[in-house]
Amino acid sequence: MADEPSPYLTATATAYDAVADLYTDLVRDSLDGLPLDRAIVAAFADLVRADGPRPVVEAGCGPGHMTAHLRDLGLEASGVDLSPAFIEIARRDHPGLRFELGSMGALDVRDGSLGGLLSWYSIIHTPPQELPPYLTEFRRVLAPGGHLLIGFFESEGEPVTEFDHRVTAAYRWPIDEMADLLRKEGFTEVARMLREPLEGERFRRGHLLMRAV
């Protein structure tokens, strides 16, 4: 990745800094009513643990609630995010975990050192043409056989579609197209989970569980 951040990265970090406390309150217990989401995260954790004691990174960790959930599932988890406000909140709310300020496109992690990487709706603000380098970075840091779980808003039969996310510009992806991109970057599909929007949600949710080859 370039030394100078892309304009959308700066815009995304600034937008989330402005709503960090409100966003944290909204997502803190968000998994409680999402049994399917919890199930695929649990499957990811089971697969990572089965491969041995390698660490896991959440790329785009926000206020750290998902990183803490991974810890509770028995993983050695840490988080990275662009937003200084989110990192401050994550460190305050989860003092036993490590959170670092940084880009998920330039992780401060050795090649092939991770057993797992979670990208939980963290790629949704990435313009489509700029997404492949992030997926390349995800593959770089994972050990062969390591697992990636990526969550995103699914486009429901439409091509990649920009939508009016409440914080900043975001994109919905066809799940097949996202899977194809990941295969091109050195992943093979293990499982996928599509679920319809619940009350209060606008869009279908897509989740891909991939293995690094």
N, C-alpha and C. Protein backbone atom coordinates (compact mmCIF):
# COMPACT_ATOMS: atom_id res chain seq x y z
N MET A 1 0.85 -1.20 0.00
CA MET A 1 0.00 0.00 0.00
C MET A 1 0.89 1.25 0.00
N ALA A 2 0.36 2.35 -0.52
CA ALA A 2 1.14 3.58 -0.57
C ALA A 2 1.32 4.15 0.83
N ASP A 3 2.40 4.95 0.97
CA ASP A 3 2.66 5.56 2.26
C ASP A 3 1.56 6.56 2.63
N GLU A 4 1.08 7.31 1.63
CA GLU A 4 0.02 8.29 1.88
C GLU A 4 -1.33 7.59 1.80
N PRO A 5 -2.18 7.74 2.83
CA PRO A 5 -3.47 7.06 2.80
C PRO A 5 -4.35 7.60 1.69
N SER A 6 -5.16 6.71 1.10
CA SER A 6 -6.14 7.14 0.11
C SER A 6 -7.14 8.08 0.76
N PRO A 7 -7.71 9.02 -0.02
CA PRO A 7 -8.67 9.96 0.56
C PRO A 7 -9.84 9.26 1.26
N TYR A 8 -10.30 8.13 0.73
CA TYR A 8 -11.45 7.48 1.36
C TYR A 8 -11.08 6.93 2.73
N LEU A 9 -9.80 6.55 2.93
CA LEU A 9 -9.38 6.07 4.25
C LEU A 9 -9.46 7.20 5.28
N THR A 10 -8.97 8.36 4.91
CA THR A 10 -9.04 9.52 5.80
C THR A 10 -10.48 9.89 6.08
N ALA A 11 -11.30 9.88 5.04
CA ALA A 11 -12.71 10.23 5.21
C ALA A 11 -13.42 9.22 6.12
N THR A 12 -13.10 7.94 5.95
CA THR A 12 -13.74 6.90 6.76
C THR A 12 -13.35 7.03 8.22
N ALA A 13 -12.04 7.21 8.47
CA ALA A 13 -11.59 7.37 9.86
C ALA A 13 -12.22 8.58 10.52
N THR A 14 -12.27 9.70 9.80
CA THR A 14 -12.84 10.93 10.35
C THR A 14 -14.33 10.76 10.64
N ALA A 15 -15.05 10.09 9.73
CA ALA A 15 -16.49 9.89 9.92
C ALA A 15 -16.77 9.02 11.14
N TYR A 16 -15.99 7.95 11.33
CA TYR A 16 -16.21 7.09 12.49
C TYR A 16 -15.75 7.74 13.79
N ASP A 17 -14.69 8.51 13.73
CA ASP A 17 -14.29 9.25 14.94
C ASP A 17 -15.44 10.11 15.45
N ALA A 18 -16.19 10.71 14.53
CA ALA A 18 -17.26 11.63 14.92
C ALA A 18 -18.43 10.93 15.59
N VAL A 19 -18.60 9.63 15.34
CA VAL A 19 -19.77 8.91 15.89
C VAL A 19 -19.34 7.72 16.75
N ALA A 20 -18.08 7.71 17.18
CA ALA A 20 -17.52 6.51 17.82
C ALA A 20 -18.31 6.10 19.07
N ASP A 21 -18.68 7.01 19.92
CA ASP A 21 -19.41 6.65 21.14
C ASP A 21 -20.80 6.10 20.83
N LEU A 22 -21.50 6.75 19.92
CA LEU A 22 -22.83 6.28 19.54
C LEU A 22 -22.75 4.91 18.89
N TYR A 23 -21.80 4.73 17.98
CA TYR A 23 -21.64 3.45 17.29
C TYR A 23 -21.33 2.35 18.29
N THR A 24 -20.47 2.64 19.25
CA THR A 24 -20.11 1.65 20.26
C THR A 24 -21.33 1.20 21.04
N ASP A 25 -22.18 2.13 21.41
CA ASP A 25 -23.41 1.77 22.13
C ASP A 25 -24.33 0.89 21.29
N LEU A 26 -24.35 1.13 19.98
CA LEU A 26 -25.23 0.37 19.10
C LEU A 26 -24.76 -1.07 18.90
N VAL A 27 -23.44 -1.27 18.85
CA VAL A 27 -22.93 -2.60 18.48
C VAL A 27 -22.47 -3.42 19.67
N ARG A 28 -22.40 -2.84 20.84
CA ARG A 28 -21.79 -3.51 21.99
C ARG A 28 -22.39 -4.90 22.21
N ASP A 29 -23.69 -5.04 22.15
CA ASP A 29 -24.36 -6.32 22.38
C ASP A 29 -25.04 -6.83 21.10
N SER A 30 -24.51 -6.43 19.96
CA SER A 30 -25.22 -6.70 18.70
C SER A 30 -25.30 -8.18 18.35
N LEU A 31 -24.38 -8.99 18.82
CA LEU A 31 -24.42 -10.42 18.51
C LEU A 31 -25.50 -11.17 19.28
N ASP A 32 -26.02 -10.58 20.34
CA ASP A 32 -26.95 -11.29 21.21
C ASP A 32 -28.17 -11.82 20.45
N GLY A 33 -28.68 -11.04 19.51
CA GLY A 33 -29.86 -11.45 18.78
C GLY A 33 -29.58 -12.00 17.40
N LEU A 34 -28.34 -12.43 17.16
CA LEU A 34 -27.94 -12.89 15.82
C LEU A 34 -27.36 -14.30 15.90
N PRO A 35 -28.19 -15.32 16.07
CA PRO A 35 -27.66 -16.68 16.24
C PRO A 35 -26.90 -17.20 15.04
N LEU A 36 -27.29 -16.86 13.83
CA LEU A 36 -26.57 -17.34 12.66
C LEU A 36 -25.19 -16.70 12.56
N ASP A 37 -25.12 -15.41 12.85
CA ASP A 37 -23.83 -14.72 12.86
C ASP A 37 -22.90 -15.32 13.92
N ARG A 38 -23.45 -15.56 15.10
CA ARG A 38 -22.63 -16.18 16.15
C ARG A 38 -22.15 -17.55 15.73
N ALA A 39 -22.99 -18.28 15.01
CA ALA A 39 -22.63 -19.64 14.61
C ALA A 39 -21.45 -19.66 13.64
N ILE A 40 -21.43 -18.76 12.68
CA ILE A 40 -20.33 -18.81 11.72
C ILE A 40 -19.04 -18.28 12.36
N VAL A 41 -19.16 -17.32 13.29
CA VAL A 41 -17.96 -16.88 14.01
C VAL A 41 -17.43 -18.02 14.89
N ALA A 42 -18.33 -18.77 15.52
CA ALA A 42 -17.91 -19.91 16.33
C ALA A 42 -17.24 -20.98 15.47
N ALA A 43 -17.77 -21.23 14.27
CA ALA A 43 -17.15 -22.20 13.37
C ALA A 43 -15.74 -21.75 12.98
N PHE A 44 -15.60 -20.47 12.68
CA PHE A 44 -14.28 -19.90 12.38
C PHE A 44 -13.32 -20.15 13.54
N ALA A 45 -13.77 -19.86 14.76
CA ALA A 45 -12.92 -20.04 15.94
C ALA A 45 -12.55 -21.51 16.12
N ASP A 46 -13.49 -22.41 15.91
CA ASP A 46 -13.21 -23.84 16.05
C ASP A 46 -12.13 -24.27 15.06
N LEU A 47 -12.23 -23.81 13.82
CA LEU A 47 -11.25 -24.20 12.81
C LEU A 47 -9.87 -23.65 13.13
N VAL A 48 -9.82 -22.41 13.59
CA VAL A 48 -8.52 -21.82 13.94
C VAL A 48 -7.89 -22.58 15.11
N ARG A 49 -8.67 -22.86 16.13
CA ARG A 49 -8.14 -23.59 17.29
C ARG A 49 -7.65 -24.98 16.91
N ALA A 50 -8.36 -25.62 15.99
CA ALA A 50 -7.99 -26.98 15.58
C ALA A 50 -6.64 -27.02 14.88
N ASP A 51 -6.23 -25.90 14.28
CA ASP A 51 -4.97 -25.86 13.55
C ASP A 51 -3.77 -25.54 14.44
N GLY A 52 -4.02 -25.24 15.72
CA GLY A 52 -2.90 -24.97 16.61
C GLY A 52 -2.90 -23.55 17.13
N PRO A 53 -1.97 -23.25 18.03
CA PRO A 53 -2.01 -21.98 18.77
C PRO A 53 -1.39 -20.81 18.02
N ARG A 54 -2.02 -20.41 16.92
CA ARG A 54 -1.56 -19.21 16.20
C ARG A 54 -2.50 -18.05 16.53
N PRO A 55 -1.98 -16.82 16.52
CA PRO A 55 -2.83 -15.66 16.84
C PRO A 55 -3.80 -15.33 15.71
N VAL A 56 -4.77 -14.50 16.06
CA VAL A 56 -5.81 -14.03 15.15
C VAL A 56 -5.85 -12.51 15.23
N VAL A 57 -6.06 -11.86 14.09
CA VAL A 57 -6.23 -10.42 14.05
C VAL A 57 -7.61 -10.09 13.50
N GLU A 58 -8.27 -9.13 14.14
CA GLU A 58 -9.47 -8.54 13.54
C GLU A 58 -9.05 -7.28 12.81
N ALA A 59 -9.20 -7.28 11.50
CA ALA A 59 -8.82 -6.15 10.66
C ALA A 59 -10.01 -5.21 10.50
N GLY A 60 -9.89 -4.02 11.07
CA GLY A 60 -11.02 -3.11 11.12
C GLY A 60 -11.89 -3.42 12.32
N CYS A 61 -11.30 -3.34 13.50
CA CYS A 61 -11.92 -3.87 14.72
C CYS A 61 -12.94 -2.94 15.34
N GLY A 62 -13.02 -1.68 14.90
CA GLY A 62 -13.95 -0.76 15.52
C GLY A 62 -13.70 -0.65 17.02
N PRO A 63 -14.76 -0.68 17.83
CA PRO A 63 -14.58 -0.52 19.28
C PRO A 63 -14.18 -1.80 20.00
N GLY A 64 -13.87 -2.86 19.25
CA GLY A 64 -13.26 -4.04 19.85
C GLY A 64 -14.20 -5.12 20.35
N HIS A 65 -15.50 -4.98 20.13
CA HIS A 65 -16.44 -5.97 20.67
C HIS A 65 -16.28 -7.33 20.03
N MET A 66 -15.97 -7.36 18.71
CA MET A 66 -15.79 -8.66 18.05
C MET A 66 -14.44 -9.28 18.42
N THR A 67 -13.42 -8.46 18.60
CA THR A 67 -12.13 -8.98 19.05
C THR A 67 -12.29 -9.63 20.42
N ALA A 68 -13.04 -8.98 21.30
CA ALA A 68 -13.30 -9.56 22.62
C ALA A 68 -14.09 -10.86 22.51
N HIS A 69 -15.01 -10.92 21.57
CA HIS A 69 -15.79 -12.16 21.36
C HIS A 69 -14.86 -13.30 20.92
N LEU A 70 -13.92 -12.99 20.05
CA LEU A 70 -12.95 -14.01 19.62
C LEU A 70 -12.13 -14.50 20.81
N ARG A 71 -11.74 -13.58 21.67
CA ARG A 71 -11.03 -13.96 22.90
C ARG A 71 -11.88 -14.90 23.74
N ASP A 72 -13.15 -14.59 23.87
CA ASP A 72 -14.05 -15.41 24.66
C ASP A 72 -14.25 -16.79 24.05
N LEU A 73 -14.00 -16.91 22.75
CA LEU A 73 -14.08 -18.21 22.07
C LEU A 73 -12.76 -18.97 22.12
N GLY A 74 -11.81 -18.46 22.87
CA GLY A 74 -10.57 -19.18 23.09
C GLY A 74 -9.43 -18.84 22.16
N LEU A 75 -9.52 -17.72 21.45
CA LEU A 75 -8.48 -17.34 20.51
C LEU A 75 -7.58 -16.24 21.10
N GLU A 76 -6.33 -16.24 20.67
CA GLU A 76 -5.40 -15.16 21.00
C GLU A 76 -5.62 -14.04 20.00
N ALA A 77 -6.49 -13.09 20.34
CA ALA A 77 -6.99 -12.12 19.38
C ALA A 77 -6.49 -10.71 19.69
N SER A 78 -6.25 -9.96 18.63
CA SER A 78 -5.93 -8.54 18.72
C SER A 78 -6.64 -7.82 17.59
N GLY A 79 -6.68 -6.48 17.67
CA GLY A 79 -7.42 -5.71 16.68
C GLY A 79 -6.63 -4.54 16.12
N VAL A 80 -7.00 -4.16 14.88
CA VAL A 80 -6.39 -3.02 14.19
C VAL A 80 -7.52 -2.19 13.60
N ASP A 81 -7.42 -0.86 13.71
CA ASP A 81 -8.43 0.01 13.11
C ASP A 81 -7.82 1.35 12.76
N LEU A 82 -8.41 2.01 11.76
CA LEU A 82 -7.96 3.33 11.32
C LEU A 82 -8.38 4.46 12.24
N SER A 83 -9.43 4.23 13.02
CA SER A 83 -10.04 5.32 13.80
C SER A 83 -9.37 5.45 15.16
N PRO A 84 -8.71 6.56 15.44
CA PRO A 84 -8.13 6.75 16.78
C PRO A 84 -9.18 6.68 17.89
N ALA A 85 -10.39 7.19 17.63
CA ALA A 85 -11.42 7.15 18.65
C ALA A 85 -11.82 5.72 18.97
N PHE A 86 -11.94 4.89 17.94
CA PHE A 86 -12.28 3.48 18.17
C PHE A 86 -11.18 2.77 18.96
N ILE A 87 -9.93 3.02 18.62
CA ILE A 87 -8.83 2.37 19.33
C ILE A 87 -8.83 2.79 20.80
N GLU A 88 -9.09 4.05 21.06
CA GLU A 88 -9.16 4.51 22.44
C GLU A 88 -10.28 3.80 23.20
N ILE A 89 -11.45 3.67 22.57
CA ILE A 89 -12.58 2.99 23.22
C ILE A 89 -12.26 1.51 23.42
N ALA A 90 -11.70 0.87 22.41
CA ALA A 90 -11.39 -0.56 22.51
C ALA A 90 -10.40 -0.83 23.65
N ARG A 91 -9.39 0.00 23.77
CA ARG A 91 -8.42 -0.18 24.85
C ARG A 91 -9.05 0.06 26.22
N ARG A 92 -9.97 1.01 26.28
CA ARG A 92 -10.65 1.30 27.54
C ARG A 92 -11.59 0.17 27.94
N ASP A 93 -12.37 -0.32 26.98
CA ASP A 93 -13.39 -1.31 27.29
C ASP A 93 -12.85 -2.73 27.40
N HIS A 94 -11.70 -3.00 26.78
CA HIS A 94 -11.14 -4.35 26.77
C HIS A 94 -9.65 -4.28 27.10
N PRO A 95 -9.32 -3.92 28.33
CA PRO A 95 -7.92 -3.63 28.69
C PRO A 95 -7.00 -4.83 28.60
N GLY A 96 -7.53 -6.03 28.56
CA GLY A 96 -6.67 -7.21 28.46
C GLY A 96 -6.28 -7.57 27.05
N LEU A 97 -6.76 -6.82 26.06
CA LEU A 97 -6.49 -7.13 24.66
C LEU A 97 -5.62 -6.04 24.03
N ARG A 98 -4.95 -6.39 22.94
CA ARG A 98 -4.08 -5.44 22.24
C ARG A 98 -4.83 -4.86 21.03
N PHE A 99 -4.84 -3.55 20.94
CA PHE A 99 -5.44 -2.84 19.82
C PHE A 99 -4.45 -1.83 19.29
N GLU A 100 -4.28 -1.82 17.97
CA GLU A 100 -3.31 -0.93 17.34
C GLU A 100 -3.98 -0.07 16.28
N LEU A 101 -3.52 1.18 16.18
CA LEU A 101 -3.97 2.08 15.13
C LEU A 101 -3.24 1.73 13.84
N GLY A 102 -3.98 1.50 12.77
CA GLY A 102 -3.34 1.17 11.51
C GLY A 102 -4.35 0.76 10.45
N SER A 103 -3.85 0.52 9.25
CA SER A 103 -4.68 0.15 8.12
C SER A 103 -4.70 -1.36 7.95
N MET A 104 -5.87 -1.90 7.63
CA MET A 104 -5.95 -3.33 7.36
C MET A 104 -5.29 -3.69 6.03
N GLY A 105 -4.89 -2.69 5.27
CA GLY A 105 -4.16 -2.93 4.04
C GLY A 105 -2.66 -2.95 4.23
N ALA A 106 -2.18 -2.68 5.43
CA ALA A 106 -0.74 -2.70 5.73
C ALA A 106 -0.57 -3.14 7.17
N LEU A 107 -0.88 -4.39 7.44
CA LEU A 107 -0.85 -4.91 8.80
C LEU A 107 0.58 -5.11 9.28
N ASP A 108 0.82 -4.74 10.51
CA ASP A 108 2.14 -4.91 11.11
C ASP A 108 2.27 -6.33 11.65
N VAL A 109 2.27 -7.28 10.72
CA VAL A 109 2.25 -8.70 11.05
C VAL A 109 3.19 -9.42 10.08
N ARG A 110 3.97 -10.36 10.59
CA ARG A 110 4.89 -11.13 9.75
C ARG A 110 4.12 -11.99 8.75
N ASP A 111 4.74 -12.24 7.61
CA ASP A 111 4.16 -13.12 6.60
C ASP A 111 3.83 -14.48 7.21
N GLY A 112 2.64 -14.97 6.93
CA GLY A 112 2.28 -16.32 7.30
C GLY A 112 2.25 -16.62 8.78
N SER A 113 2.02 -15.61 9.61
CA SER A 113 2.13 -15.82 11.06
C SER A 113 0.78 -16.00 11.76
N LEU A 114 -0.32 -15.75 11.07
CA LEU A 114 -1.63 -15.81 11.71
C LEU A 114 -2.35 -17.12 11.42
N GLY A 115 -3.09 -17.57 12.42
CA GLY A 115 -3.98 -18.71 12.20
C GLY A 115 -5.33 -18.29 11.67
N GLY A 116 -5.70 -17.02 11.89
CA GLY A 116 -6.99 -16.55 11.43
C GLY A 116 -7.04 -15.05 11.31
N LEU A 117 -7.94 -14.56 10.47
CA LEU A 117 -8.17 -13.12 10.31
C LEU A 117 -9.67 -12.91 10.16
N LEU A 118 -10.20 -12.00 10.95
CA LEU A 118 -11.61 -11.63 10.88
C LEU A 118 -11.73 -10.25 10.27
N SER A 119 -12.56 -10.15 9.23
CA SER A 119 -12.92 -8.87 8.63
C SER A 119 -14.44 -8.76 8.70
N TRP A 120 -14.92 -8.17 9.79
CA TRP A 120 -16.36 -8.17 10.10
C TRP A 120 -16.95 -6.85 9.65
N TYR A 121 -17.43 -6.81 8.40
CA TYR A 121 -18.01 -5.61 7.80
C TYR A 121 -17.00 -4.47 7.73
N SER A 122 -15.72 -4.81 7.68
CA SER A 122 -14.69 -3.76 7.64
C SER A 122 -14.28 -3.41 6.21
N ILE A 123 -14.66 -4.22 5.21
CA ILE A 123 -14.30 -3.89 3.83
C ILE A 123 -15.43 -3.13 3.13
N ILE A 124 -16.51 -2.85 3.83
CA ILE A 124 -17.68 -2.30 3.15
C ILE A 124 -17.45 -0.89 2.63
N HIS A 125 -16.52 -0.15 3.21
CA HIS A 125 -16.26 1.22 2.78
C HIS A 125 -15.16 1.30 1.72
N THR A 126 -14.59 0.18 1.34
CA THR A 126 -13.50 0.17 0.36
C THR A 126 -14.05 0.23 -1.05
N PRO A 127 -13.68 1.24 -1.84
CA PRO A 127 -14.13 1.27 -3.23
C PRO A 127 -13.75 -0.03 -3.94
N PRO A 128 -14.62 -0.57 -4.78
CA PRO A 128 -14.38 -1.88 -5.38
C PRO A 128 -13.01 -2.03 -6.04
N GLN A 129 -12.56 -0.99 -6.74
CA GLN A 129 -11.28 -1.10 -7.45
C GLN A 129 -10.09 -1.14 -6.49
N GLU A 130 -10.31 -0.75 -5.24
CA GLU A 130 -9.22 -0.75 -4.27
C GLU A 130 -9.26 -1.95 -3.32
N LEU A 131 -10.24 -2.83 -3.49
CA LEU A 131 -10.35 -3.96 -2.57
C LEU A 131 -9.29 -5.05 -2.77
N PRO A 132 -8.91 -5.43 -4.00
CA PRO A 132 -7.97 -6.56 -4.15
C PRO A 132 -6.69 -6.46 -3.34
N PRO A 133 -6.04 -5.28 -3.23
CA PRO A 133 -4.82 -5.24 -2.40
C PRO A 133 -5.07 -5.59 -0.93
N TYR A 134 -6.24 -5.30 -0.42
CA TYR A 134 -6.55 -5.67 0.95
C TYR A 134 -6.65 -7.19 1.09
N LEU A 135 -7.26 -7.82 0.11
CA LEU A 135 -7.37 -9.28 0.14
C LEU A 135 -5.99 -9.92 -0.01
N THR A 136 -5.13 -9.31 -0.81
CA THR A 136 -3.74 -9.78 -0.92
C THR A 136 -3.04 -9.70 0.43
N GLU A 137 -3.28 -8.61 1.15
CA GLU A 137 -2.67 -8.45 2.47
C GLU A 137 -3.22 -9.49 3.45
N PHE A 138 -4.50 -9.77 3.39
CA PHE A 138 -5.08 -10.81 4.25
C PHE A 138 -4.39 -12.15 4.00
N ARG A 139 -4.16 -12.47 2.73
CA ARG A 139 -3.50 -13.75 2.41
C ARG A 139 -2.04 -13.74 2.87
N ARG A 140 -1.38 -12.58 2.77
CA ARG A 140 0.03 -12.51 3.16
C ARG A 140 0.25 -12.90 4.61
N VAL A 141 -0.63 -12.42 5.49
CA VAL A 141 -0.38 -12.60 6.92
C VAL A 141 -0.86 -13.95 7.44
N LEU A 142 -1.66 -14.67 6.65
CA LEU A 142 -2.18 -15.96 7.10
C LEU A 142 -1.22 -17.10 6.78
N ALA A 143 -1.05 -18.00 7.72
CA ALA A 143 -0.30 -19.22 7.47
C ALA A 143 -1.07 -20.07 6.46
N PRO A 144 -0.36 -20.91 5.69
CA PRO A 144 -1.08 -21.87 4.84
C PRO A 144 -2.04 -22.70 5.69
N GLY A 145 -3.27 -22.77 5.24
CA GLY A 145 -4.30 -23.46 6.02
C GLY A 145 -5.02 -22.57 7.00
N GLY A 146 -4.52 -21.34 7.19
CA GLY A 146 -5.20 -20.40 8.08
C GLY A 146 -6.55 -19.98 7.51
N HIS A 147 -7.40 -19.43 8.36
CA HIS A 147 -8.77 -19.14 7.96
C HIS A 147 -9.09 -17.65 8.01
N LEU A 148 -9.88 -17.22 7.04
CA LEU A 148 -10.40 -15.86 6.94
C LEU A 148 -11.92 -15.94 7.03
N LEU A 149 -12.50 -15.09 7.87
CA LEU A 149 -13.95 -14.91 7.89
C LEU A 149 -14.24 -13.46 7.54
N ILE A 150 -15.00 -13.27 6.49
CA ILE A 150 -15.30 -11.92 6.03
C ILE A 150 -16.82 -11.74 5.98
N GLY A 151 -17.29 -10.64 6.59
CA GLY A 151 -18.71 -10.31 6.59
C GLY A 151 -18.95 -9.01 5.84
N PHE A 152 -20.08 -8.93 5.14
CA PHE A 152 -20.35 -7.75 4.31
C PHE A 152 -21.85 -7.69 4.00
N PHE A 153 -22.27 -6.59 3.46
CA PHE A 153 -23.64 -6.45 2.98
C PHE A 153 -23.72 -7.03 1.57
N GLU A 154 -24.70 -7.89 1.34
CA GLU A 154 -24.81 -8.60 0.06
C GLU A 154 -25.74 -7.85 -0.87
N SER A 155 -25.46 -7.91 -2.19
CA SER A 155 -26.16 -7.03 -3.13
C SER A 155 -27.46 -7.61 -3.68
N GLU A 156 -27.83 -8.83 -3.27
CA GLU A 156 -29.15 -9.39 -3.58
C GLU A 156 -29.42 -9.43 -5.08
N GLY A 157 -28.48 -9.99 -5.84
CA GLY A 157 -28.67 -10.17 -7.28
C GLY A 157 -28.21 -9.01 -8.13
N GLU A 158 -27.85 -7.91 -7.52
CA GLU A 158 -27.35 -6.74 -8.25
C GLU A 158 -25.82 -6.79 -8.29
N PRO A 159 -25.21 -6.03 -9.22
CA PRO A 159 -23.74 -5.90 -9.17
C PRO A 159 -23.31 -5.11 -7.94
N VAL A 160 -22.01 -4.93 -7.78
CA VAL A 160 -21.52 -4.13 -6.66
C VAL A 160 -22.26 -2.79 -6.66
N THR A 161 -22.82 -2.44 -5.51
CA THR A 161 -23.73 -1.30 -5.42
C THR A 161 -23.33 -0.39 -4.27
N GLU A 162 -23.14 0.89 -4.56
CA GLU A 162 -22.91 1.86 -3.49
C GLU A 162 -24.24 2.18 -2.82
N PHE A 163 -24.21 2.38 -1.50
CA PHE A 163 -25.43 2.72 -0.80
C PHE A 163 -25.16 3.78 0.26
N ASP A 164 -26.23 4.32 0.78
CA ASP A 164 -26.15 5.44 1.72
C ASP A 164 -25.99 4.93 3.14
N HIS A 165 -24.83 4.42 3.43
CA HIS A 165 -24.51 4.00 4.80
C HIS A 165 -24.64 5.21 5.72
N ARG A 166 -25.04 4.96 6.97
CA ARG A 166 -25.32 6.08 7.87
C ARG A 166 -24.08 6.86 8.28
N VAL A 167 -22.90 6.25 8.11
CA VAL A 167 -21.67 6.94 8.52
C VAL A 167 -20.94 7.53 7.33
N THR A 168 -20.67 6.72 6.31
CA THR A 168 -19.94 7.19 5.13
C THR A 168 -20.20 6.22 3.99
N ALA A 169 -19.77 6.57 2.79
CA ALA A 169 -20.05 5.77 1.60
C ALA A 169 -19.67 4.31 1.81
N ALA A 170 -20.51 3.40 1.31
CA ALA A 170 -20.27 1.97 1.48
C ALA A 170 -20.81 1.22 0.28
N TYR A 171 -20.45 -0.08 0.20
CA TYR A 171 -20.76 -0.89 -0.96
C TYR A 171 -21.31 -2.25 -0.56
N ARG A 172 -22.27 -2.74 -1.35
CA ARG A 172 -22.81 -4.08 -1.21
C ARG A 172 -22.25 -4.94 -2.33
N TRP A 173 -21.91 -6.19 -2.01
CA TRP A 173 -21.24 -7.07 -2.96
C TRP A 173 -22.06 -8.33 -3.22
N PRO A 174 -22.08 -8.81 -4.49
CA PRO A 174 -22.61 -10.15 -4.74
C PRO A 174 -21.70 -11.18 -4.06
N ILE A 175 -22.27 -12.13 -3.36
CA ILE A 175 -21.44 -13.07 -2.62
C ILE A 175 -20.56 -13.91 -3.55
N ASP A 176 -21.07 -14.25 -4.74
CA ASP A 176 -20.26 -15.03 -5.68
C ASP A 176 -19.06 -14.23 -6.17
N GLU A 177 -19.25 -12.95 -6.41
CA GLU A 177 -18.15 -12.11 -6.87
C GLU A 177 -17.10 -11.94 -5.79
N MET A 178 -17.54 -11.78 -4.54
CA MET A 178 -16.58 -11.69 -3.45
C MET A 178 -15.80 -12.99 -3.31
N ALA A 179 -16.48 -14.12 -3.42
CA ALA A 179 -15.79 -15.41 -3.34
C ALA A 179 -14.79 -15.57 -4.47
N ASP A 180 -15.14 -15.12 -5.67
CA ASP A 180 -14.21 -15.21 -6.80
C ASP A 180 -12.96 -14.37 -6.56
N LEU A 181 -13.14 -13.15 -6.04
CA LEU A 181 -11.99 -12.31 -5.73
C LEU A 181 -11.06 -12.99 -4.73
N LEU A 182 -11.64 -13.59 -3.72
CA LEU A 182 -10.83 -14.26 -2.71
C LEU A 182 -10.10 -15.47 -3.27
N ARG A 183 -10.75 -16.21 -4.15
CA ARG A 183 -10.06 -17.35 -4.79
C ARG A 183 -8.86 -16.87 -5.59
N LYS A 184 -9.00 -15.75 -6.29
CA LYS A 184 -7.89 -15.21 -7.07
C LYS A 184 -6.72 -14.79 -6.18
N GLU A 185 -7.00 -14.49 -4.92
CA GLU A 185 -5.95 -14.06 -3.99
C GLU A 185 -5.36 -15.21 -3.19
N GLY A 186 -5.76 -16.45 -3.50
CA GLY A 186 -5.14 -17.59 -2.84
C GLY A 186 -5.95 -18.20 -1.72
N PHE A 187 -7.26 -18.08 -1.80
CA PHE A 187 -8.15 -18.69 -0.81
C PHE A 187 -9.05 -19.72 -1.47
N THR A 188 -9.47 -20.69 -0.69
CA THR A 188 -10.49 -21.63 -1.13
C THR A 188 -11.66 -21.55 -0.17
N GLU A 189 -12.86 -21.71 -0.70
CA GLU A 189 -14.06 -21.54 0.12
C GLU A 189 -14.30 -22.76 1.00
N VAL A 190 -14.58 -22.49 2.27
CA VAL A 190 -14.95 -23.53 3.22
C VAL A 190 -16.47 -23.55 3.41
N ALA A 191 -17.05 -22.37 3.58
CA ALA A 191 -18.49 -22.27 3.81
C ALA A 191 -18.94 -20.84 3.55
N ARG A 192 -20.24 -20.70 3.36
CA ARG A 192 -20.83 -19.37 3.22
C ARG A 192 -22.14 -19.35 3.98
N MET A 193 -22.52 -18.15 4.43
CA MET A 193 -23.79 -17.98 5.11
C MET A 193 -24.42 -16.69 4.62
N LEU A 194 -25.58 -16.83 3.99
CA LEU A 194 -26.39 -15.69 3.59
C LEU A 194 -27.63 -15.66 4.48
N ARG A 195 -27.94 -14.50 5.02
CA ARG A 195 -29.19 -14.42 5.76
C ARG A 195 -29.96 -13.18 5.34
N GLU A 196 -31.26 -13.31 5.41
CA GLU A 196 -32.14 -12.20 5.06
C GLU A 196 -32.12 -11.15 6.16
N PRO A 197 -32.42 -9.90 5.82
CA PRO A 197 -32.41 -8.84 6.84
C PRO A 197 -33.47 -9.08 7.90
N LEU A 198 -33.08 -8.84 9.13
CA LEU A 198 -34.01 -8.90 10.25
C LEU A 198 -34.75 -7.57 10.38
N GLU A 199 -35.69 -7.51 11.29
CA GLU A 199 -36.39 -6.25 11.53
C GLU A 199 -35.38 -5.18 11.94
N GLY A 200 -35.44 -4.06 11.27
CA GLY A 200 -34.51 -2.97 11.55
C GLY A 200 -33.27 -3.00 10.68
N GLU A 201 -33.05 -4.08 9.92
CA GLU A 201 -31.93 -4.16 8.99
C GLU A 201 -32.43 -3.89 7.57
N ARG A 202 -31.55 -3.33 6.75
CA ARG A 202 -31.98 -2.96 5.40
C ARG A 202 -31.61 -4.00 4.35
N PHE A 203 -30.48 -4.71 4.56
CA PHE A 203 -29.94 -5.52 3.49
C PHE A 203 -29.62 -6.94 3.94
N ARG A 204 -29.58 -7.84 2.96
CA ARG A 204 -29.11 -9.20 3.19
C ARG A 204 -27.65 -9.17 3.64
N ARG A 205 -27.28 -10.11 4.50
CA ARG A 205 -25.91 -10.18 5.02
C ARG A 205 -25.18 -11.38 4.40
N GLY A 206 -23.96 -11.14 3.94
CA GLY A 206 -23.14 -12.19 3.36
C GLY A 206 -21.93 -12.47 4.24
N HIS A 207 -21.58 -13.75 4.36
CA HIS A 207 -20.43 -14.16 5.17
C HIS A 207 -19.71 -15.28 4.42
N LEU A 208 -18.41 -15.16 4.28
CA LEU A 208 -17.60 -16.18 3.61
C LEU A 208 -16.50 -16.63 4.56
N LEU A 209 -16.42 -17.94 4.72
CA LEU A 209 -15.37 -18.56 5.52
C LEU A 209 -14.40 -19.22 4.54
N MET A 210 -13.18 -18.72 4.50
CA MET A 210 -12.20 -19.12 3.48
C MET A 210 -10.95 -19.69 4.16
N ARG A 211 -10.24 -20.53 3.41
CA ARG A 211 -8.98 -21.09 3.89
C ARG A 211 -7.85 -20.68 2.97
N ALA A 212 -6.74 -20.26 3.54
CA ALA A 212 -5.56 -19.88 2.75
C ALA A 212 -4.89 -21.13 2.20
N VAL A 213 -4.55 -21.12 0.91
CA VAL A 213 -3.92 -22.28 0.29
C VAL A 213 -2.48 -21.96 -0.09
